Amino acid sequence: MESAGISILKRAVELDTEKQYTRSLVLYKEGIQILLDTVKGTQNAVKKKHFSTMASRYLNRAEEVKKLVETKKTQGTYRELIKIKDGTIGYGYSSLFGRFLDAMVTYIHIEDPYIRAFHQCQNLVRLCELAVQKCHSLSKITLVTTRDPEDSTSQAARLEELKQSLKSHLISLDITYSETLHDRQIILSNGWVIKIGRGLDYFKPPSGKFVLGYCDLELRPCQETTVDVFHKSQLQMNTPP
């Protein structure tokens, strides 16, 4: 427990130094909690004091980072650049941008030209599953994509099935097809914008059907891509852009 907490906090400091503040906050919180649990579970007075002091120091830094993020959000200057290297794991949707999905999100706007093939539509389902679990006020998702020139019928059928599934959760899915769409981005009503170079389809194909990463994208190797995260306070409205 002790070594796990320290390891997580070291990674938090690395991300803090790289100015990936929202990612570092997630790890600060996790690592601090482990240290506090360690304090509660030990009878050793020296260890108790040591880990209490350490937890307090990291907690202070986490508070500073939190205030920094809020200030930059207010100023409209917050930006976080994440570079995913080829073959790395640990970049499932939850880890990559799940921290921005919260009860303040009432709608999600998705622009991705390649929600066409079976696995690409599955990726959209995974994103919607995550959103339903985290965004308790979510009422609308809008998708802008392009038609599959080879099998638009199957594409439309998959998206319609997802639309009906979301409807059972009182969430509407509006789909628009564009012939000129190129940009890939996810816009949340709480102001966060996530631009992924490859869109939702940045994972490598699994090497088999019974391998780690087949079901859990956190364990799926990624293709190289860049993720640009920024915040626009003017996006906080009740209708999609």
Protein backbone atom coordinates (compact mmCIF):
# COMPACT_ATOMS: atom_id res chain seq x y z
CA MET A 1 0.00 0.00 0.00
CA GLU A 2 2.76 2.43 0.95
CA SER A 3 4.83 1.80 -2.16
CA ALA A 4 1.73 1.92 -4.38
CA GLY A 5 0.72 5.30 -2.95
CA ILE A 6 4.20 6.74 -3.35
CA SER A 7 4.44 5.43 -6.92
CA ILE A 8 1.11 7.01 -7.85
CA LEU A 9 2.11 10.33 -6.29
CA LYS A 10 5.42 10.32 -8.17
CA ARG A 11 3.48 9.93 -11.40
CA ALA A 12 1.17 12.76 -10.28
CA VAL A 13 4.19 15.02 -9.82
CA GLU A 14 5.49 14.08 -13.29
CA LEU A 15 2.16 15.02 -14.89
CA ASP A 16 2.06 18.19 -12.79
CA THR A 17 5.51 19.13 -14.10
CA GLU A 18 4.33 18.42 -17.66
CA LYS A 19 1.40 20.79 -17.05
CA GLN A 20 -1.14 18.01 -17.48
CA TYR A 21 -2.90 19.32 -14.43
CA THR A 22 -6.27 17.58 -14.64
CA ARG A 23 -4.57 14.21 -15.05
CA SER A 24 -2.26 14.94 -12.14
CA LEU A 25 -5.23 15.84 -9.91
CA VAL A 26 -6.76 12.40 -10.44
CA LEU A 27 -3.53 10.73 -9.30
CA TYR A 28 -2.95 13.16 -6.41
CA LYS A 29 -6.38 12.25 -5.08
CA GLU A 30 -5.77 8.52 -5.44
CA GLY A 31 -2.28 8.60 -3.94
CA ILE A 32 -3.27 10.84 -1.01
CA GLN A 33 -6.15 8.52 -0.15
CA ILE A 34 -3.77 5.55 -0.03
CA LEU A 35 -1.44 7.45 2.32
CA LEU A 36 -4.34 8.41 4.59
CA ASP A 37 -5.51 4.77 4.66
CA THR A 38 -1.95 3.77 5.56
CA VAL A 39 -1.95 6.27 8.45
CA LYS A 40 -5.19 4.82 9.78
CA GLY A 41 -3.92 1.26 9.47
CA THR A 42 -0.54 1.61 11.19
CA GLN A 43 0.25 1.66 14.90
CA ASN A 44 3.81 2.80 14.29
CA ALA A 45 4.02 6.41 15.52
CA VAL A 46 6.99 7.26 13.31
CA LYS A 47 5.30 5.91 10.18
CA LYS A 48 2.04 7.60 11.11
CA LYS A 49 3.73 11.00 11.40
CA HIS A 50 5.80 10.47 8.24
CA PHE A 51 2.84 9.57 6.03
CA SER A 52 0.60 12.24 7.59
CA THR A 53 3.20 14.88 6.74
CA MET A 54 3.61 13.50 3.23
CA ALA A 55 -0.16 13.41 2.64
CA SER A 56 -0.50 16.99 3.87
CA ARG A 57 2.24 18.19 1.52
CA TYR A 58 0.69 16.54 -1.53
CA LEU A 59 -2.78 17.72 -0.51
CA ASN A 60 -1.56 21.30 -0.45
CA ARG A 61 -0.08 20.93 -3.91
CA ALA A 62 -3.27 19.34 -5.21
CA GLU A 63 -5.25 22.31 -3.91
CA GLU A 64 -2.84 24.68 -5.66
CA VAL A 65 -3.23 22.77 -8.92
CA LYS A 66 -7.01 22.77 -8.58
CA LYS A 67 -7.05 26.56 -8.12
CA LEU A 68 -4.68 26.96 -11.07
CA VAL A 69 -6.99 24.95 -13.33
CA GLU A 70 -10.03 26.97 -12.23
CA THR A 71 -8.19 30.24 -12.84
CA LYS A 72 -7.09 29.21 -16.33
CA LYS A 73 -10.61 27.97 -17.11
CA THR A 74 -12.04 31.35 -16.13
CA GLN A 75 -9.43 33.13 -18.27
CA GLY A 76 -10.07 30.75 -21.18
CA THR A 77 -6.38 29.82 -21.32
CA TYR A 78 -6.41 26.25 -20.06
CA ARG A 79 -4.87 23.72 -22.43
CA GLU A 80 -3.59 20.21 -21.94
CA LEU A 81 -1.68 18.34 -24.65
CA ILE A 82 -1.41 14.56 -24.35
CA LYS A 83 0.82 12.62 -26.72
CA ILE A 84 -0.01 8.92 -26.95
CA LYS A 85 2.93 6.86 -28.18
CA ASP A 86 2.51 3.91 -30.51
CA GLY A 87 1.84 0.66 -28.67
CA THR A 88 1.22 2.17 -25.23
CA ILE A 89 -1.70 1.11 -23.04
CA GLY A 90 -3.70 2.86 -20.32
CA TYR A 91 -5.51 5.32 -22.58
CA GLY A 92 -9.06 4.01 -22.59
CA TYR A 93 -11.82 6.59 -22.79
CA SER A 94 -12.22 6.63 -19.00
CA SER A 95 -8.54 7.43 -18.39
CA LEU A 96 -8.22 9.82 -21.31
CA PHE A 97 -11.21 12.09 -20.71
CA GLY A 98 -13.52 10.45 -18.17
CA ARG A 99 -12.50 13.06 -15.58
CA PHE A 100 -14.37 15.70 -17.62
CA LEU A 101 -17.64 13.75 -17.65
CA ASP A 102 -19.67 14.77 -14.61
CA ALA A 103 -23.16 15.69 -13.40
CA MET A 104 -22.81 19.14 -15.00
CA VAL A 105 -22.83 17.66 -18.50
CA THR A 106 -26.29 17.93 -20.07
CA TYR A 107 -25.28 17.26 -23.68
CA ILE A 108 -22.34 15.90 -25.66
CA HIS A 109 -21.51 16.92 -29.21
CA ILE A 110 -19.31 14.52 -31.21
CA GLU A 111 -17.67 15.21 -34.55
CA ASP A 112 -15.92 12.18 -36.05
CA PRO A 113 -15.95 11.35 -39.78
CA TYR A 114 -15.23 7.68 -39.13
CA ILE A 115 -18.15 6.29 -37.16
CA ARG A 116 -18.79 3.81 -39.95
CA ALA A 117 -17.37 0.31 -39.55
CA PHE A 118 -18.58 -2.17 -36.95
CA HIS A 119 -15.70 -1.54 -34.52
CA GLN A 120 -16.00 2.24 -34.94
CA CYS A 121 -19.69 2.13 -34.00
CA GLN A 122 -18.73 -0.06 -31.05
CA ASN A 123 -16.30 2.65 -29.94
CA LEU A 124 -19.18 5.12 -29.95
CA VAL A 125 -21.24 2.71 -27.84
CA ARG A 126 -18.37 2.52 -25.32
CA LEU A 127 -18.24 6.31 -25.11
CA CYS A 128 -22.00 6.49 -24.59
CA GLU A 129 -21.82 3.82 -21.87
CA LEU A 130 -19.21 5.86 -20.03
CA ALA A 131 -21.26 9.04 -20.41
CA VAL A 132 -24.44 7.40 -19.10
CA GLN A 133 -22.58 6.21 -16.00
CA LYS A 134 -20.91 9.54 -15.24
CA CYS A 135 -23.24 12.24 -16.60
CA HIS A 136 -26.41 11.92 -14.55
CA SER A 137 -27.97 15.02 -16.11
CA LEU A 138 -27.22 13.99 -19.70
CA SER A 139 -30.24 14.37 -21.98
CA LYS A 140 -28.80 14.73 -25.48
CA ILE A 141 -25.95 13.50 -27.67
CA THR A 142 -25.36 14.85 -31.15
CA LEU A 143 -23.16 13.09 -33.68
CA VAL A 144 -21.78 14.49 -36.92
CA THR A 145 -20.12 11.86 -39.12
CA THR A 146 -19.86 10.78 -42.76
CA ARG A 147 -21.78 8.05 -44.57
CA ASP A 148 -20.04 4.77 -45.25
CA PRO A 149 -19.73 4.69 -49.06
CA GLU A 150 -19.50 0.89 -49.03
CA ASP A 151 -22.26 -0.04 -46.56
CA SER A 152 -24.32 2.92 -45.38
CA THR A 153 -27.28 0.63 -44.62
CA SER A 154 -25.42 -1.30 -41.92
CA GLN A 155 -23.96 1.91 -40.54
CA ALA A 156 -27.43 3.48 -40.23
CA ALA A 157 -28.83 0.31 -38.63
CA ARG A 158 -26.09 0.25 -35.96
CA LEU A 159 -26.59 3.92 -35.09
CA GLU A 160 -30.36 3.51 -34.98
CA GLU A 161 -29.98 0.61 -32.54
CA LEU A 162 -27.80 2.80 -30.32
CA LYS A 163 -30.32 5.62 -30.62
CA GLN A 164 -33.13 3.39 -29.34
CA SER A 165 -30.94 2.11 -26.50
CA LEU A 166 -30.10 5.64 -25.37
CA LYS A 167 -33.77 6.57 -25.61
CA SER A 168 -34.52 4.00 -22.90
CA HIS A 169 -32.22 6.06 -20.66
CA LEU A 170 -34.09 9.27 -21.60
CA ILE A 171 -31.19 10.44 -23.76
CA SER A 172 -31.75 11.51 -27.37
CA LEU A 173 -29.20 10.83 -30.11
CA ASP A 174 -29.30 13.17 -33.11
CA ILE A 175 -27.23 12.10 -36.12
CA THR A 176 -26.11 14.37 -38.94
CA TYR A 177 -24.17 13.21 -41.99
CA SER A 178 -21.64 15.52 -43.63
CA GLU A 179 -19.68 14.97 -46.82
CA THR A 180 -16.97 17.50 -45.90
CA LEU A 181 -16.33 16.75 -42.21
CA HIS A 182 -12.66 16.35 -41.31
CA ASP A 183 -12.21 17.58 -37.74
CA ARG A 184 -12.54 15.23 -34.81
CA GLN A 185 -13.66 16.61 -31.47
CA ILE A 186 -15.89 16.01 -28.48
CA ILE A 187 -17.57 19.07 -26.99
CA LEU A 188 -19.12 18.85 -23.51
CA SER A 189 -21.71 21.30 -22.21
CA ASN A 190 -19.57 21.95 -19.12
CA GLY A 191 -17.08 23.73 -21.38
CA TRP A 192 -14.49 21.03 -22.01
CA VAL A 193 -13.37 20.31 -25.56
CA ILE A 194 -11.39 17.16 -26.40
CA LYS A 195 -9.73 16.92 -29.81
CA ILE A 196 -8.23 13.53 -30.66
CA GLY A 197 -6.10 13.34 -33.79
CA ARG A 198 -7.51 9.95 -34.77
CA GLY A 199 -10.98 10.47 -33.32
CA LEU A 200 -12.39 7.62 -31.25
CA ASP A 201 -10.62 5.03 -33.39
CA TYR A 202 -7.07 5.28 -31.99
CA PHE A 203 -6.71 1.70 -30.77
CA LYS A 204 -4.86 -1.09 -32.51
CA PRO A 205 -6.86 -4.18 -33.48
CA PRO A 206 -6.68 -6.86 -30.74
CA SER A 207 -4.31 -9.73 -31.51
CA GLY A 208 -7.03 -12.27 -30.66
CA LYS A 209 -10.49 -12.67 -29.19
CA PHE A 210 -9.24 -14.03 -25.87
CA VAL A 211 -6.46 -11.58 -25.10
CA LEU A 212 -6.25 -8.75 -22.58
CA GLY A 213 -7.51 -5.57 -24.17
CA TYR A 214 -10.14 -7.25 -26.30
CA CYS A 215 -12.93 -6.05 -23.97
CA ASP A 216 -11.20 -3.45 -21.80
CA LEU A 217 -9.75 -0.59 -23.86
CA GLU A 218 -7.54 0.44 -20.95
CA LEU A 219 -5.46 -2.64 -21.79
CA ARG A 220 -5.61 -2.22 -25.58
CA PRO A 221 -2.42 -0.97 -27.30
CA CYS A 222 -2.90 2.41 -28.98
CA GLN A 223 -1.83 3.94 -32.24
CA GLU A 224 0.21 7.11 -32.01
CA THR A 225 -1.96 10.20 -31.72
CA THR A 226 -2.24 13.57 -30.00
CA VAL A 227 -5.05 14.68 -27.71
CA ASP A 228 -5.68 18.40 -27.25
CA VAL A 229 -7.86 19.38 -24.28
CA PHE A 230 -9.02 22.91 -23.57
CA HIS A 231 -11.87 24.72 -21.87
CA LYS A 232 -14.30 27.31 -23.18
CA SER A 233 -16.62 28.74 -20.55
CA GLN A 234 -18.99 30.11 -23.18
CA LEU A 235 -19.96 26.54 -24.07
CA GLN A 236 -21.95 26.25 -20.86
CA MET A 237 -25.44 26.39 -22.32
CA ASN A 238 -28.47 24.18 -22.59
CA THR A 239 -28.35 23.44 -26.33
CA PRO A 240 -25.57 21.93 -28.46
CA PRO A 241 -23.38 24.14 -30.66
